[in-house]
Amino acid sequence: MSREKNFPVMAAVSVSPVGEGASVRRFVRAALQALENFPDLEWEVGPMFTTLVGDKKRVLEAIVAMQEAVFREGAVRVSTVVKMDERRDKPISIRGKLQGLREENHGSV
């Protein structure tokens, strides 16, 4: 039986209502509020995506919760984009990834 380490995954997630007009702020707010039920995840909001870091199953559960929150807010159609980074040689974090970029770019990202 293999002893794989349980390294966290990092996912960039965009959950968007379809056909709800130009302003989607209330839907974004609902999706982000859903993340309050996942205190074990690290997350950070960006201008286009929200980045989630944690156990893969929990990250996927959080994405589903974000989608459901947008539906509860009144959307009848939701489009979700997910990009996931999973590596099994060392842990990843939002701060670590940004720090690596800064080091490569001499302090600027």
Foldseek 3Di string as FASTA:
>chain_A
DDDFDQAKKKKWKAKAFPPPDDDPVVLQVQLVVLCVVPPQWDWDDDPGTIMIIDGPVSVVVSNVSSNVSSVVVPGPGMDMDMDMGDDRPDHDDPVVVVVVVCVVVVRDD
